All heavy atoms as atom14 arrays in JSON, in Angstrom:
{
  "sequence": "RHDTLYDRLKALLTSRDLRLQHAERGLSFVQQ",
  "atom14_mask": [
    [1, 1, 1, 1, 1, 1, 1, 1, 1, 1, 1, 0, 0, 0],
    [1, 1, 1, 1, 1, 1, 1, 1, 1, 1, 0, 0, 0, 0],
    [1, 1, 1, 1, 1, 1, 1, 1, 0, 0, 0, 0, 0, 0],
    [1, 1, 1, 1, 1, 1, 1, 0, 0, 0, 0, 0, 0, 0],
    [1, 1, 1, 1, 1, 1, 1, 1, 0, 0, 0, 0, 0, 0],
    [1, 1, 1, 1, 1, 1, 1, 1, 1, 1, 1, 1, 0, 0],
    [1, 1, 1, 1, 1, 1, 1, 1, 0, 0, 0, 0, 0, 0],
    [1, 1, 1, 1, 1, 1, 1, 1, 1, 1, 1, 0, 0, 0],
    [1, 1, 1, 1, 1, 1, 1, 1, 0, 0, 0, 0, 0, 0],
    [1, 1, 1, 1, 1, 1, 1, 1, 1, 0, 0, 0, 0, 0],
    [1, 1, 1, 1, 1, 0, 0, 0, 0, 0, 0, 0, 0, 0],
    [1, 1, 1, 1, 1, 1, 1, 1, 0, 0, 0, 0, 0, 0],
    [1, 1, 1, 1, 1, 1, 1, 1, 0, 0, 0, 0, 0, 0],
    [1, 1, 1, 1, 1, 1, 1, 0, 0, 0, 0, 0, 0, 0],
    [1, 1, 1, 1, 1, 1, 0, 0, 0, 0, 0, 0, 0, 0],
    [1, 1, 1, 1, 1, 1, 1, 1, 1, 1, 1, 0, 0, 0],
    [1, 1, 1, 1, 1, 1, 1, 1, 0, 0, 0, 0, 0, 0],
    [1, 1, 1, 1, 1, 1, 1, 1, 0, 0, 0, 0, 0, 0],
    [1, 1, 1, 1, 1, 1, 1, 1, 1, 1, 1, 0, 0, 0],
    [1, 1, 1, 1, 1, 1, 1, 1, 0, 0, 0, 0, 0, 0],
    [1, 1, 1, 1, 1, 1, 1, 1, 1, 0, 0, 0, 0, 0],
    [1, 1, 1, 1, 1, 1, 1, 1, 1, 1, 0, 0, 0, 0],
    [1, 1, 1, 1, 1, 0, 0, 0, 0, 0, 0, 0, 0, 0],
    [1, 1, 1, 1, 1, 1, 1, 1, 1, 0, 0, 0, 0, 0],
    [1, 1, 1, 1, 1, 1, 1, 1, 1, 1, 1, 0, 0, 0],
    [1, 1, 1, 1, 0, 0, 0, 0, 0, 0, 0, 0, 0, 0],
    [1, 1, 1, 1, 1, 1, 1, 1, 0, 0, 0, 0, 0, 0],
    [1, 1, 1, 1, 1, 1, 0, 0, 0, 0, 0, 0, 0, 0],
    [1, 1, 1, 1, 1, 1, 1, 1, 1, 1, 1, 0, 0, 0],
    [1, 1, 1, 1, 1, 1, 1, 0, 0, 0, 0, 0, 0, 0],
    [1, 1, 1, 1, 1, 1, 1, 1, 1, 0, 0, 0, 0, 0],
    [1, 1, 1, 1, 1, 1, 1, 1, 1, 0, 0, 0, 0, 0]
  ],
  "atom14_positions": [
    [[0.88, -1.17, 0.0], [0.0, 0.0, 0.0], [0.91, 1.22, 0.0], [2.13, 1.1, 0.12], [-0.9, 0.0, 1.23], [-1.82, -1.19, 1.34], [-2.47, -1.25, 2.72], [-3.31, -0.08, 2.97], [-4.63, -0.14, 3.13], [-5.25, -1.3, 3.07], [-5.33, 0.94, 3.35], [0.0, 0.0, 0.0], [0.0, 0.0, 0.0], [0.0, 0.0, 0.0]],
    [[0.3, 2.41, -0.1], [1.11, 3.62, -0.11], [2.0, 3.72, 1.13], [3.18, 4.07, 1.04], [0.21, 4.85, -0.19], [-0.39, 5.07, -1.54], [0.21, 5.81, -2.52], [-1.54, 4.6, -2.09], [-0.53, 5.81, -3.61], [-1.61, 5.08, -3.37], [0.0, 0.0, 0.0], [0.0, 0.0, 0.0], [0.0, 0.0, 0.0], [0.0, 0.0, 0.0]],
    [[1.43, 3.38, 2.28], [2.17, 3.57, 3.52], [3.16, 2.45, 3.82], [3.97, 2.56, 4.74], [1.22, 3.75, 4.7], [0.25, 2.59, 4.86], [0.16, 1.76, 3.94], [-0.43, 2.52, 5.9], [0.0, 0.0, 0.0], [0.0, 0.0, 0.0], [0.0, 0.0, 0.0], [0.0, 0.0, 0.0], [0.0, 0.0, 0.0], [0.0, 0.0, 0.0]],
    [[3.11, 1.36, 3.06], [4.04, 0.25, 3.28], [5.01, 0.06, 2.12], [5.89, -0.8, 2.2], [3.28, -1.07, 3.5], [2.59, -1.43, 2.28], [2.27, -0.94, 4.64], [0.0, 0.0, 0.0], [0.0, 0.0, 0.0], [0.0, 0.0, 0.0], [0.0, 0.0, 0.0], [0.0, 0.0, 0.0], [0.0, 0.0, 0.0], [0.0, 0.0, 0.0]],
    [[4.85, 0.83, 1.06], [5.59, 0.57, -0.17], [7.11, 0.62, 0.04], [7.84, -0.26, -0.43], [5.17, 1.56, -1.26], [5.86, 1.38, -2.62], [5.59, 0.0, -3.19], [5.41, 2.47, -3.6], [0.0, 0.0, 0.0], [0.0, 0.0, 0.0], [0.0, 0.0, 0.0], [0.0, 0.0, 0.0], [0.0, 0.0, 0.0], [0.0, 0.0, 0.0]],
    [[7.58, 1.63, 0.73], [9.04, 1.77, 0.89], [9.63, 0.57, 1.63], [10.57, -0.08, 1.13], [9.37, 3.07, 1.63], [10.82, 3.15, 2.05], [11.83, 3.47, 1.14], [11.19, 2.86, 3.37], [13.17, 3.5, 1.52], [12.52, 2.9, 3.76], [13.5, 3.22, 2.84], [14.82, 3.24, 3.22], [0.0, 0.0, 0.0], [0.0, 0.0, 0.0]],
    [[9.1, 0.26, 2.78], [9.66, -0.82, 3.59], [9.53, -2.18, 2.89], [10.46, -2.99, 2.88], [8.99, -0.88, 4.96], [9.34, 0.31, 5.83], [10.44, 0.87, 5.66], [8.51, 0.69, 6.68], [0.0, 0.0, 0.0], [0.0, 0.0, 0.0], [0.0, 0.0, 0.0], [0.0, 0.0, 0.0], [0.0, 0.0, 0.0], [0.0, 0.0, 0.0]],
    [[8.37, -2.43, 2.31], [8.12, -3.72, 1.68], [8.98, -3.89, 0.42], [9.56, -4.96, 0.19], [6.64, -3.86, 1.32], [5.68, -3.81, 2.51], [5.51, -5.16, 3.14], [4.76, -6.07, 2.3], [4.65, -7.37, 2.57], [5.26, -7.9, 3.62], [3.94, -8.17, 1.77], [0.0, 0.0, 0.0], [0.0, 0.0, 0.0], [0.0, 0.0, 0.0]],
    [[9.07, -2.85, -0.38], [9.85, -2.95, -1.61], [11.34, -3.08, -1.3], [12.06, -3.84, -1.97], [9.58, -1.74, -2.5], [9.93, -1.87, -3.98], [9.28, -3.11, -4.59], [9.5, -0.63, -4.75], [0.0, 0.0, 0.0], [0.0, 0.0, 0.0], [0.0, 0.0, 0.0], [0.0, 0.0, 0.0], [0.0, 0.0, 0.0], [0.0, 0.0, 0.0]],
    [[11.81, -2.38, -0.29], [13.21, -2.5, 0.1], [13.53, -3.92, 0.53], [14.56, -4.49, 0.14], [13.53, -1.52, 1.23], [15.0, -1.55, 1.65], [15.3, -0.49, 2.69], [16.79, -0.48, 3.04], [17.1, 0.58, 4.05], [0.0, 0.0, 0.0], [0.0, 0.0, 0.0], [0.0, 0.0, 0.0], [0.0, 0.0, 0.0], [0.0, 0.0, 0.0]],
    [[12.62, -4.51, 1.31], [12.85, -5.89, 1.76], [12.88, -6.85, 0.58], [13.71, -7.76, 0.53], [11.75, -6.29, 2.75], [0.0, 0.0, 0.0], [0.0, 0.0, 0.0], [0.0, 0.0, 0.0], [0.0, 0.0, 0.0], [0.0, 0.0, 0.0], [0.0, 0.0, 0.0], [0.0, 0.0, 0.0], [0.0, 0.0, 0.0], [0.0, 0.0, 0.0]],
    [[11.99, -6.66, -0.38], [11.93, -7.57, -1.52], [13.16, -7.44, -2.41], [13.73, -8.44, -2.86], [10.66, -7.28, -2.33], [10.38, -8.24, -3.49], [10.01, -9.63, -2.96], [9.27, -7.72, -4.4], [0.0, 0.0, 0.0], [0.0, 0.0, 0.0], [0.0, 0.0, 0.0], [0.0, 0.0, 0.0], [0.0, 0.0, 0.0], [0.0, 0.0, 0.0]],
    [[13.57, -6.2, -2.68], [14.68, -5.99, -3.61], [16.03, -6.38, -3.0], [16.99, -6.61, -3.75], [14.71, -4.53, -4.06], [13.48, -4.04, -4.82], [13.7, -2.64, -5.36], [13.1, -4.98, -5.95], [0.0, 0.0, 0.0], [0.0, 0.0, 0.0], [0.0, 0.0, 0.0], [0.0, 0.0, 0.0], [0.0, 0.0, 0.0], [0.0, 0.0, 0.0]],
    [[16.12, -6.47, -1.69], [17.39, -6.82, -1.05], [17.43, -8.28, -0.6], [18.41, -8.71, 0.01], [17.66, -5.92, 0.16], [16.55, -6.0, 1.07], [17.85, -4.47, -0.28], [0.0, 0.0, 0.0], [0.0, 0.0, 0.0], [0.0, 0.0, 0.0], [0.0, 0.0, 0.0], [0.0, 0.0, 0.0], [0.0, 0.0, 0.0], [0.0, 0.0, 0.0]],
    [[16.39, -9.05, -0.91], [16.36, -10.46, -0.5], [16.0, -11.36, -1.69], [14.84, -11.43, -2.11], [15.35, -10.68, 0.63], [15.21, -12.06, 0.92], [0.0, 0.0, 0.0], [0.0, 0.0, 0.0], [0.0, 0.0, 0.0], [0.0, 0.0, 0.0], [0.0, 0.0, 0.0], [0.0, 0.0, 0.0], [0.0, 0.0, 0.0], [0.0, 0.0, 0.0]],
    [[17.0, -12.03, -2.21], [16.75, -12.97, -3.3], [15.83, -14.09, -2.84], [14.94, -14.52, -3.59], [18.08, -13.55, -3.8], [17.96, -14.59, -4.91], [19.34, -15.04, -5.38], [19.25, -16.05, -6.41], [19.18, -17.36, -6.18], [19.19, -17.81, -4.91], [19.11, -18.22, -7.18], [0.0, 0.0, 0.0], [0.0, 0.0, 0.0], [0.0, 0.0, 0.0]],
    [[16.03, -14.59, -1.62], [15.19, -15.68, -1.11], [13.73, -15.26, -1.04], [12.83, -16.05, -1.38], [15.67, -16.12, 0.27], [17.0, -16.87, 0.22], [17.37, -17.33, -0.88], [17.64, -17.0, 1.27], [0.0, 0.0, 0.0], [0.0, 0.0, 0.0], [0.0, 0.0, 0.0], [0.0, 0.0, 0.0], [0.0, 0.0, 0.0], [0.0, 0.0, 0.0]],
    [[13.45, -14.03, -0.62], [12.07, -13.56, -0.53], [11.44, -13.48, -1.91], [10.28, -13.86, -2.11], [12.03, -12.19, 0.16], [10.64, -11.58, 0.42], [9.79, -12.51, 1.28], [10.78, -10.21, 1.07], [0.0, 0.0, 0.0], [0.0, 0.0, 0.0], [0.0, 0.0, 0.0], [0.0, 0.0, 0.0], [0.0, 0.0, 0.0], [0.0, 0.0, 0.0]],
    [[12.2, -13.01, -2.88], [11.69, -12.93, -4.25], [11.36, -14.33, -4.77], [10.32, -14.56, -5.41], [12.7, -12.24, -5.17], [12.93, -10.78, -4.84], [13.67, -10.07, -5.96], [15.01, -10.61, -6.2], [16.12, -10.22, -5.57], [16.03, -9.28, -4.62], [17.3, -10.73, -5.86], [0.0, 0.0, 0.0], [0.0, 0.0, 0.0], [0.0, 0.0, 0.0]],
    [[12.25, -15.28, -4.51], [12.03, -16.64, -5.0], [10.8, -17.27, -4.33], [10.05, -18.0, -4.98], [13.27, -17.5, -4.74], [14.5, -17.16, -5.59], [15.69, -18.03, -5.17], [14.2, -17.36, -7.07], [0.0, 0.0, 0.0], [0.0, 0.0, 0.0], [0.0, 0.0, 0.0], [0.0, 0.0, 0.0], [0.0, 0.0, 0.0], [0.0, 0.0, 0.0]],
    [[10.6, -17.01, -3.04], [9.44, -17.57, -2.34], [8.14, -17.17, -3.03], [7.23, -17.99, -3.19], [9.42, -17.08, -0.89], [10.48, -17.69, 0.01], [10.5, -17.05, 1.37], [9.51, -16.45, 1.8], [11.63, -17.16, 2.07], [0.0, 0.0, 0.0], [0.0, 0.0, 0.0], [0.0, 0.0, 0.0], [0.0, 0.0, 0.0], [0.0, 0.0, 0.0]],
    [[8.05, -15.91, -3.43], [6.82, -15.43, -4.07], [6.74, -15.86, -5.53], [5.66, -16.22, -6.02], [6.72, -13.91, -3.94], [6.34, -13.47, -2.56], [5.03, -13.3, -2.17], [7.1, -13.2, -1.48], [5.01, -12.94, -0.9], [6.24, -12.86, -0.46], [0.0, 0.0, 0.0], [0.0, 0.0, 0.0], [0.0, 0.0, 0.0], [0.0, 0.0, 0.0]],
    [[7.86, -15.86, -6.22], [7.85, -16.26, -7.63], [7.48, -17.74, -7.79], [6.75, -18.11, -8.72], [9.21, -16.0, -8.26], [0.0, 0.0, 0.0], [0.0, 0.0, 0.0], [0.0, 0.0, 0.0], [0.0, 0.0, 0.0], [0.0, 0.0, 0.0], [0.0, 0.0, 0.0], [0.0, 0.0, 0.0], [0.0, 0.0, 0.0], [0.0, 0.0, 0.0]],
    [[7.95, -18.56, -6.88], [7.72, -20.0, -7.0], [6.27, -20.41, -6.74], [5.85, -21.5, -7.12], [8.66, -20.74, -6.05], [10.11, -20.7, -6.5], [11.08, -21.16, -5.41], [10.61, -21.44, -4.28], [12.29, -21.25, -5.69], [0.0, 0.0, 0.0], [0.0, 0.0, 0.0], [0.0, 0.0, 0.0], [0.0, 0.0, 0.0], [0.0, 0.0, 0.0]],
    [[5.5, -19.54, -6.12], [4.08, -19.85, -5.82], [3.14, -19.38, -6.92], [1.95, -19.72, -6.91], [3.67, -19.2, -4.5], [4.37, -19.78, -3.28], [4.16, -18.89, -2.06], [2.75, -18.56, -1.86], [2.33, -17.49, -1.2], [3.18, -16.63, -0.69], [1.04, -17.28, -1.06], [0.0, 0.0, 0.0], [0.0, 0.0, 0.0], [0.0, 0.0, 0.0]],
    [[3.64, -18.59, -7.85], [2.75, -17.94, -8.81], [2.03, -18.86, -9.76], [0.82, -18.77, -9.95], [0.0, 0.0, 0.0], [0.0, 0.0, 0.0], [0.0, 0.0, 0.0], [0.0, 0.0, 0.0], [0.0, 0.0, 0.0], [0.0, 0.0, 0.0], [0.0, 0.0, 0.0], [0.0, 0.0, 0.0], [0.0, 0.0, 0.0], [0.0, 0.0, 0.0]],
    [[2.77, -19.77, -10.39], [2.19, -20.62, -11.42], [1.06, -21.48, -10.87], [0.0, -21.6, -11.49], [3.27, -21.48, -12.06], [2.8, -22.4, -13.2], [2.21, -21.59, -14.34], [3.97, -23.25, -13.7], [0.0, 0.0, 0.0], [0.0, 0.0, 0.0], [0.0, 0.0, 0.0], [0.0, 0.0, 0.0], [0.0, 0.0, 0.0], [0.0, 0.0, 0.0]],
    [[1.27, -22.08, -9.71], [0.23, -22.95, -9.14], [-1.01, -22.16, -8.78], [-2.14, -22.66, -8.91], [0.77, -23.7, -7.92], [1.13, -22.79, -6.89], [0.0, 0.0, 0.0], [0.0, 0.0, 0.0], [0.0, 0.0, 0.0], [0.0, 0.0, 0.0], [0.0, 0.0, 0.0], [0.0, 0.0, 0.0], [0.0, 0.0, 0.0], [0.0, 0.0, 0.0]],
    [[-0.84, -20.9, -8.35], [-2.01, -20.07, -8.05], [-2.83, -19.8, -9.3], [-4.06, -19.88, -9.28], [-1.57, -18.75, -7.41], [-2.71, -17.84, -7.07], [-3.5, -18.08, -5.96], [-3.0, -16.73, -7.86], [-4.56, -17.23, -5.64], [-4.05, -15.89, -7.55], [-4.83, -16.14, -6.43], [0.0, 0.0, 0.0], [0.0, 0.0, 0.0], [0.0, 0.0, 0.0]],
    [[-2.15, -19.48, -10.39], [-2.86, -19.26, -11.66], [-3.6, -20.52, -12.07], [-4.75, -20.48, -12.5], [-1.88, -18.81, -12.76], [-2.6, -18.72, -14.11], [-1.27, -17.46, -12.41], [0.0, 0.0, 0.0], [0.0, 0.0, 0.0], [0.0, 0.0, 0.0], [0.0, 0.0, 0.0], [0.0, 0.0, 0.0], [0.0, 0.0, 0.0], [0.0, 0.0, 0.0]],
    [[-2.95, -21.67, -11.93], [-3.56, -22.94, -12.3], [-4.8, -23.24, -11.44], [-5.79, -23.78, -11.93], [-2.54, -24.07, -12.16], [-1.43, -24.01, -13.19], [-0.3, -24.99, -12.89], [-0.06, -25.33, -11.73], [0.39, -25.44, -13.93], [0.0, 0.0, 0.0], [0.0, 0.0, 0.0], [0.0, 0.0, 0.0], [0.0, 0.0, 0.0], [0.0, 0.0, 0.0]],
    [[-4.76, -22.87, -10.19], [-5.87, -23.16, -9.28], [-7.06, -22.23, -9.5], [-8.21, -22.66, -9.39], [-5.39, -23.04, -7.83], [-4.41, -24.1, -7.41], [-3.72, -23.75, -6.1], [-4.15, -22.88, -5.36], [-2.62, -24.44, -5.82], [0.0, 0.0, 0.0], [0.0, 0.0, 0.0], [0.0, 0.0, 0.0], [0.0, 0.0, 0.0], [0.0, 0.0, 0.0]]
  ]
}
């Protein structure tokens, strides 16, 4: 959200593991 964008985006862009956690769940969600 507007008030969480800075903190959340910083965490995502500085953590490869966090990015992979979300990327790996995407395809199955679309399929479901």
